[in-house]
PDB file of N, CA and C in Angstrom:
ATOM      1  N   MET A   1     -12.557 -87.646  -7.467  1.00  0.00           N
ATOM      2  CA  MET A   1     -11.372 -87.597  -8.262  1.00  0.00           C
ATOM      3  C   MET A   1     -11.524 -86.504  -9.337  1.00  0.00           C
ATOM      4  N   ALA A   2     -10.530 -85.693  -9.505  1.00  0.00           N
ATOM      5  CA  ALA A   2     -10.601 -84.555 -10.439  1.00  0.00           C
ATOM      6  C   ALA A   2     -10.449 -85.008 -11.882  1.00  0.00           C
ATOM      7  N   ARG A   3     -11.145 -84.385 -12.769  1.00  0.00           N
ATOM      8  CA  ARG A   3     -11.055 -84.770 -14.225  1.00  0.00           C
ATOM      9  C   ARG A   3      -9.801 -84.081 -14.797  1.00  0.00           C
ATOM     10  N   PRO A   4      -9.213 -84.736 -15.773  1.00  0.00           N
ATOM     11  CA  PRO A   4      -8.032 -84.195 -16.381  1.00  0.00           C
ATOM     12  C   PRO A   4      -8.523 -82.953 -17.171  1.00  0.00           C
ATOM     13  N   SER A   5      -7.668 -81.918 -17.322  1.00  0.00           N
ATOM     14  CA  SER A   5      -8.011 -80.742 -17.991  1.00  0.00           C
ATOM     15  C   SER A   5      -8.108 -80.893 -19.523  1.00  0.00           C
ATOM     16  N   ARG A   6      -9.180 -80.548 -20.100  1.00  0.00           N
ATOM     17  CA  ARG A   6      -9.308 -80.618 -21.504  1.00  0.00           C
ATOM     18  C   ARG A   6      -8.714 -79.429 -22.153  1.00  0.00           C
ATOM     19  N   ARG A   7      -8.120 -79.589 -23.362  1.00  0.00           N
ATOM     20  CA  ARG A   7      -7.494 -78.413 -24.042  1.00  0.00           C
ATOM     21  C   ARG A   7      -7.709 -78.480 -25.471  1.00  0.00           C
ATOM     22  N   LYS A   8      -7.965 -77.313 -26.057  1.00  0.00           N
ATOM     23  CA  LYS A   8      -8.074 -77.148 -27.475  1.00  0.00           C
ATOM     24  C   LYS A   8      -7.362 -75.767 -27.830  1.00  0.00           C
ATOM     25  N   LEU A   9      -6.849 -75.661 -29.023  1.00  0.00           N
ATOM     26  CA  LEU A   9      -6.240 -74.445 -29.499  1.00  0.00           C
ATOM     27  C   LEU A   9      -7.053 -73.685 -30.380  1.00  0.00           C
ATOM     28  N   CYS A  10      -6.993 -72.443 -30.444  1.00  0.00           N
ATOM     29  CA  CYS A  10      -7.710 -71.564 -31.370  1.00  0.00           C
ATOM     30  C   CYS A  10      -7.052 -71.833 -32.762  1.00  0.00           C
ATOM     31  N   SER A  11      -7.940 -71.932 -33.734  1.00  0.00           N
ATOM     32  CA  SER A  11      -7.472 -72.199 -35.108  1.00  0.00           C
ATOM     33  C   SER A  11      -6.780 -71.037 -35.780  1.00  0.00           C
ATOM     34  N   LEU A  12      -6.941 -69.830 -35.303  1.00  0.00           N
ATOM     35  CA  LEU A  12      -6.262 -68.711 -35.898  1.00  0.00           C
ATOM     36  C   LEU A  12      -4.991 -68.322 -35.077  1.00  0.00           C
ATOM     37  N   CYS A  13      -5.077 -68.123 -33.806  1.00  0.00           N
ATOM     38  CA  CYS A  13      -3.884 -67.701 -33.077  1.00  0.00           C
ATOM     39  C   CYS A  13      -3.121 -68.826 -32.392  1.00  0.00           C
ATOM     40  N   SER A  14      -3.671 -70.024 -32.346  1.00  0.00           N
ATOM     41  CA  SER A  14      -3.074 -71.224 -31.798  1.00  0.00           C
ATOM     42  C   SER A  14      -2.907 -71.061 -30.281  1.00  0.00           C
ATOM     43  N   GLN A  15      -3.669 -70.203 -29.591  1.00  0.00           N
ATOM     44  CA  GLN A  15      -3.561 -70.017 -28.130  1.00  0.00           C
ATOM     45  C   GLN A  15      -4.582 -70.995 -27.528  1.00  0.00           C
ATOM     46  N   SER A  16      -4.287 -71.531 -26.338  1.00  0.00           N
ATOM     47  CA  SER A  16      -5.203 -72.357 -25.597  1.00  0.00           C
ATOM     48  C   SER A  16      -6.169 -71.397 -24.900  1.00  0.00           C
ATOM     49  N   ALA A  17      -7.431 -71.798 -24.791  1.00  0.00           N
ATOM     50  CA  ALA A  17      -8.494 -70.958 -24.184  1.00  0.00           C
ATOM     51  C   ALA A  17      -9.473 -71.869 -23.488  1.00  0.00           C
ATOM     52  N   PRO A  18     -10.015 -71.477 -22.329  1.00  0.00           N
ATOM     53  CA  PRO A  18     -10.995 -72.248 -21.607  1.00  0.00           C
ATOM     54  C   PRO A  18     -12.376 -72.276 -22.356  1.00  0.00           C
ATOM     55  N   ILE A  19     -12.593 -71.324 -23.189  1.00  0.00           N
ATOM     56  CA  ILE A  19     -13.848 -71.309 -24.046  1.00  0.00           C
ATOM     57  C   ILE A  19     -13.511 -70.977 -25.472  1.00  0.00           C
ATOM     58  N   LEU A  20     -14.035 -71.816 -26.362  1.00  0.00           N
ATOM     59  CA  LEU A  20     -13.841 -71.630 -27.796  1.00  0.00           C
ATOM     60  C   LEU A  20     -15.155 -71.721 -28.496  1.00  0.00           C
ATOM     61  N   TYR A  21     -15.282 -70.937 -29.552  1.00  0.00           N
ATOM     62  CA  TYR A  21     -16.518 -70.865 -30.355  1.00  0.00           C
ATOM     63  C   TYR A  21     -16.367 -71.658 -31.640  1.00  0.00           C
ATOM     64  N   ARG A  22     -17.263 -72.525 -31.907  1.00  0.00           N
ATOM     65  CA  ARG A  22     -17.193 -73.371 -33.124  1.00  0.00           C
ATOM     66  C   ARG A  22     -17.934 -72.504 -34.186  1.00  0.00           C
ATOM     67  N   VAL A  23     -17.250 -72.075 -35.288  1.00  0.00           N
ATOM     68  CA  VAL A  23     -17.789 -71.160 -36.328  1.00  0.00           C
ATOM     69  C   VAL A  23     -17.320 -71.533 -37.660  1.00  0.00           C
ATOM     70  N   LYS A  24     -18.011 -71.099 -38.687  1.00  0.00           N
ATOM     71  CA  LYS A  24     -17.571 -70.957 -40.000  1.00  0.00           C
ATOM     72  C   LYS A  24     -17.504 -69.483 -40.368  1.00  0.00           C
ATOM     73  N   TYR A  25     -16.534 -68.984 -41.020  1.00  0.00           N
ATOM     74  CA  TYR A  25     -16.413 -67.581 -41.287  1.00  0.00           C
ATOM     75  C   TYR A  25     -15.878 -67.277 -42.658  1.00  0.00           C
ATOM     76  N   LEU A  26     -15.658 -68.279 -43.500  1.00  0.00           N
ATOM     77  CA  LEU A  26     -15.349 -68.115 -44.880  1.00  0.00           C
ATOM     78  C   LEU A  26     -16.462 -68.738 -45.768  1.00  0.00           C
ATOM     79  N   GLU A  27     -16.553 -68.241 -46.947  1.00  0.00           N
ATOM     80  CA  GLU A  27     -17.675 -68.710 -47.868  1.00  0.00           C
ATOM     81  C   GLU A  27     -17.773 -70.294 -48.002  1.00  0.00           C
ATOM     82  N   ASP A  28     -16.647 -70.801 -48.311  1.00  0.00           N
ATOM     83  CA  ASP A  28     -16.575 -72.304 -48.391  1.00  0.00           C
ATOM     84  C   ASP A  28     -15.712 -72.914 -47.271  1.00  0.00           C
ATOM     85  N   GLY A  29     -15.729 -72.244 -46.125  1.00  0.00           N
ATOM     86  CA  GLY A  29     -14.869 -72.637 -44.994  1.00  0.00           C
ATOM     87  C   GLY A  29     -15.398 -73.889 -44.109  1.00  0.00           C
ATOM     88  N   ASP A  30     -14.522 -74.490 -43.474  1.00  0.00           N
ATOM     89  CA  ASP A  30     -14.900 -75.621 -42.621  1.00  0.00           C
ATOM     90  C   ASP A  30     -15.130 -75.060 -41.204  1.00  0.00           C
ATOM     91  N   TRP A  31     -15.740 -75.968 -40.344  1.00  0.00           N
ATOM     92  CA  TRP A  31     -15.887 -75.541 -39.013  1.00  0.00           C
ATOM     93  C   TRP A  31     -14.505 -75.401 -38.306  1.00  0.00           C
ATOM     94  N   VAL A  32     -14.328 -74.423 -37.522  1.00  0.00           N
ATOM     95  CA  VAL A  32     -13.093 -74.155 -36.728  1.00  0.00           C
ATOM     96  C   VAL A  32     -13.490 -73.690 -35.379  1.00  0.00           C
ATOM     97  N   PHE A  33     -12.517 -73.875 -34.390  1.00  0.00           N
ATOM     98  CA  PHE A  33     -12.733 -73.342 -33.020  1.00  0.00           C
ATOM     99  C   PHE A  33     -11.850 -72.115 -32.875  1.00  0.00           C
ATOM    100  N   LEU A  34     -12.573 -71.004 -32.381  1.00  0.00           N
ATOM    101  CA  LEU A  34     -11.828 -69.783 -32.188  1.00  0.00           C
ATOM    102  C   LEU A  34     -11.972 -69.266 -30.727  1.00  0.00           C
ATOM    103  N   CYS A  35     -10.924 -68.600 -30.274  1.00  0.00           N
ATOM    104  CA  CYS A  35     -10.945 -68.058 -28.916  1.00  0.00           C
ATOM    105  C   CYS A  35     -11.831 -66.800 -28.947  1.00  0.00           C
ATOM    106  N   PRO A  36     -12.192 -66.258 -27.863  1.00  0.00           N
ATOM    107  CA  PRO A  36     -13.091 -65.076 -27.873  1.00  0.00           C
ATOM    108  C   PRO A  36     -12.458 -63.820 -28.604  1.00  0.00           C
ATOM    109  N   GLN A  37     -11.194 -63.648 -28.528  1.00  0.00           N
ATOM    110  CA  GLN A  37     -10.608 -62.553 -29.260  1.00  0.00           C
ATOM    111  C   GLN A  37     -10.660 -62.642 -30.750  1.00  0.00           C
ATOM    112  N   CYS A  38     -10.316 -63.880 -31.296  1.00  0.00           N
ATOM    113  CA  CYS A  38     -10.397 -64.120 -32.717  1.00  0.00           C
ATOM    114  C   CYS A  38     -11.864 -64.138 -33.198  1.00  0.00           C
ATOM    115  N   TRP A  39     -12.746 -64.722 -32.386  1.00  0.00           N
ATOM    116  CA  TRP A  39     -14.144 -64.836 -32.699  1.00  0.00           C
ATOM    117  C   TRP A  39     -14.691 -63.435 -32.928  1.00  0.00           C
ATOM    118  N   GLU A  40     -14.387 -62.521 -32.010  1.00  0.00           N
ATOM    119  CA  GLU A  40     -14.896 -61.154 -32.134  1.00  0.00           C
ATOM    120  C   GLU A  40     -14.397 -60.512 -33.441  1.00  0.00           C
ATOM    121  N   LYS A  41     -13.197 -60.776 -33.874  1.00  0.00           N
ATOM    122  CA  LYS A  41     -12.751 -60.176 -35.189  1.00  0.00           C
ATOM    123  C   LYS A  41     -13.402 -60.793 -36.388  1.00  0.00           C
ATOM    124  N   VAL A  42     -13.620 -62.041 -36.434  1.00  0.00           N
ATOM    125  CA  VAL A  42     -14.211 -62.683 -37.663  1.00  0.00           C
ATOM    126  C   VAL A  42     -15.745 -62.654 -37.743  1.00  0.00           C
ATOM    127  N   SER A  43     -16.386 -62.474 -36.618  1.00  0.00           N
ATOM    128  CA  SER A  43     -17.806 -62.479 -36.533  1.00  0.00           C
ATOM    129  C   SER A  43     -18.531 -61.112 -37.026  1.00  0.00           C
ATOM    130  N   GLN A  44     -17.779 -60.046 -36.789  1.00  0.00           N
ATOM    131  CA  GLN A  44     -18.354 -58.692 -37.076  1.00  0.00           C
ATOM    132  C   GLN A  44     -18.433 -58.397 -38.598  1.00  0.00           C
ATOM    133  N   ASN A  45     -19.633 -58.011 -39.090  1.00  0.00           N
ATOM    134  CA  ASN A  45     -19.835 -57.608 -40.446  1.00  0.00           C
ATOM    135  C   ASN A  45     -19.314 -58.729 -41.464  1.00  0.00           C
ATOM    136  N   ASN A  46     -19.548 -59.978 -41.156  1.00  0.00           N
ATOM    137  CA  ASN A  46     -19.101 -61.071 -42.002  1.00  0.00           C
ATOM    138  C   ASN A  46     -20.314 -61.780 -42.433  1.00  0.00           C
ATOM    139  N   PRO A  47     -20.678 -61.691 -43.801  1.00  0.00           N
ATOM    140  CA  PRO A  47     -21.875 -62.394 -44.298  1.00  0.00           C
ATOM    141  C   PRO A  47     -21.767 -63.922 -44.365  1.00  0.00           C
ATOM    142  N   PHE A  48     -20.560 -64.386 -44.158  1.00  0.00           N
ATOM    143  CA  PHE A  48     -20.302 -65.899 -44.227  1.00  0.00           C
ATOM    144  C   PHE A  48     -20.246 -66.438 -42.764  1.00  0.00           C
ATOM    145  N   TYR A  49     -20.416 -65.688 -41.749  1.00  0.00           N
ATOM    146  CA  TYR A  49     -20.231 -66.137 -40.393  1.00  0.00           C
ATOM    147  C   TYR A  49     -21.419 -67.002 -39.978  1.00  0.00           C
ATOM    148  N   VAL A  50     -21.129 -68.154 -39.423  1.00  0.00           N
ATOM    149  CA  VAL A  50     -22.128 -69.119 -38.879  1.00  0.00           C
ATOM    150  C   VAL A  50     -21.656 -69.598 -37.516  1.00  0.00           C
ATOM    151  N   TYR A  51     -22.474 -69.436 -36.482  1.00  0.00           N
ATOM    152  CA  TYR A  51     -22.098 -69.929 -35.186  1.00  0.00           C
ATOM    153  C   TYR A  51     -22.630 -71.386 -35.056  1.00  0.00           C
ATOM    154  N   GLY A  52     -21.731 -72.167 -34.477  1.00  0.00           N
ATOM    155  CA  GLY A  52     -22.055 -73.641 -34.328  1.00  0.00           C
ATOM    156  C   GLY A  52     -21.943 -74.148 -32.909  1.00  0.00           C
ATOM    157  N   GLY A  53     -21.802 -73.355 -31.869  1.00  0.00           N
ATOM    158  CA  GLY A  53     -21.800 -73.776 -30.481  1.00  0.00           C
ATOM    159  C   GLY A  53     -20.560 -73.309 -29.817  1.00  0.00           C
ATOM    160  N   THR A  54     -20.612 -73.582 -28.494  1.00  0.00           N
ATOM    161  CA  THR A  54     -19.503 -73.231 -27.607  1.00  0.00           C
ATOM    162  C   THR A  54     -18.881 -74.367 -26.918  1.00  0.00           C
ATOM    163  N   TRP A  55     -17.521 -74.511 -26.962  1.00  0.00           N
ATOM    164  CA  TRP A  55     -16.790 -75.597 -26.396  1.00  0.00           C
ATOM    165  C   TRP A  55     -16.198 -75.038 -25.041  1.00  0.00           C
ATOM    166  N   LYS A  56     -16.316 -75.786 -23.995  1.00  0.00           N
ATOM    167  CA  LYS A  56     -15.794 -75.362 -22.636  1.00  0.00           C
ATOM    168  C   LYS A  56     -14.859 -76.444 -22.135  1.00  0.00           C
ATOM    169  N   ALA A  57     -13.749 -75.928 -21.596  1.00  0.00           N
ATOM    170  CA  ALA A  57     -12.737 -76.874 -21.036  1.00  0.00           C
ATOM    171  C   ALA A  57     -13.298 -77.686 -19.852  1.00  0.00           C
ATOM    172  N   LYS A  58     -14.130 -76.981 -19.018  1.00  0.00           N
ATOM    173  CA  LYS A  58     -14.679 -77.646 -17.861  1.00  0.00           C
ATOM    174  C   LYS A  58     -16.134 -78.007 -18.173  1.00  0.00           C
ATOM    175  N   LYS A  59     -16.369 -79.290 -18.253  1.00  0.00           N
ATOM    176  CA  LYS A  59     -17.730 -79.859 -18.412  1.00  0.00           C
ATOM    177  C   LYS A  59     -18.425 -79.813 -17.093  1.00  0.00           C
ATOM    178  N   LYS A  60     -19.714 -79.668 -17.140  1.00  0.00           N
ATOM    179  CA  LYS A  60     -20.522 -79.728 -15.967  1.00  0.00           C
ATOM    180  C   LYS A  60     -20.513 -81.107 -15.384  1.00  0.00           C
TER     181      LYS A  60
END
C-alpha cells in the first residue's frame, strides 16, 4: 500500500518542495524550513546561519 505524500512549504517562498532544509538564518530567528533555492540565498556569507537537518517528502 502506498504512503500518502507528505508536504511542507518553504517558509520564505511558500512553494512546496520534496526536500527542505531546517535552518536558522537570523540572529534571534526560529527554526524554519527552506527549499533549496531559498536555502542557497540565506546560507551564503551569513554569520547567523545554522543548519539543522534535511526534511524529505519520501521517507525510506
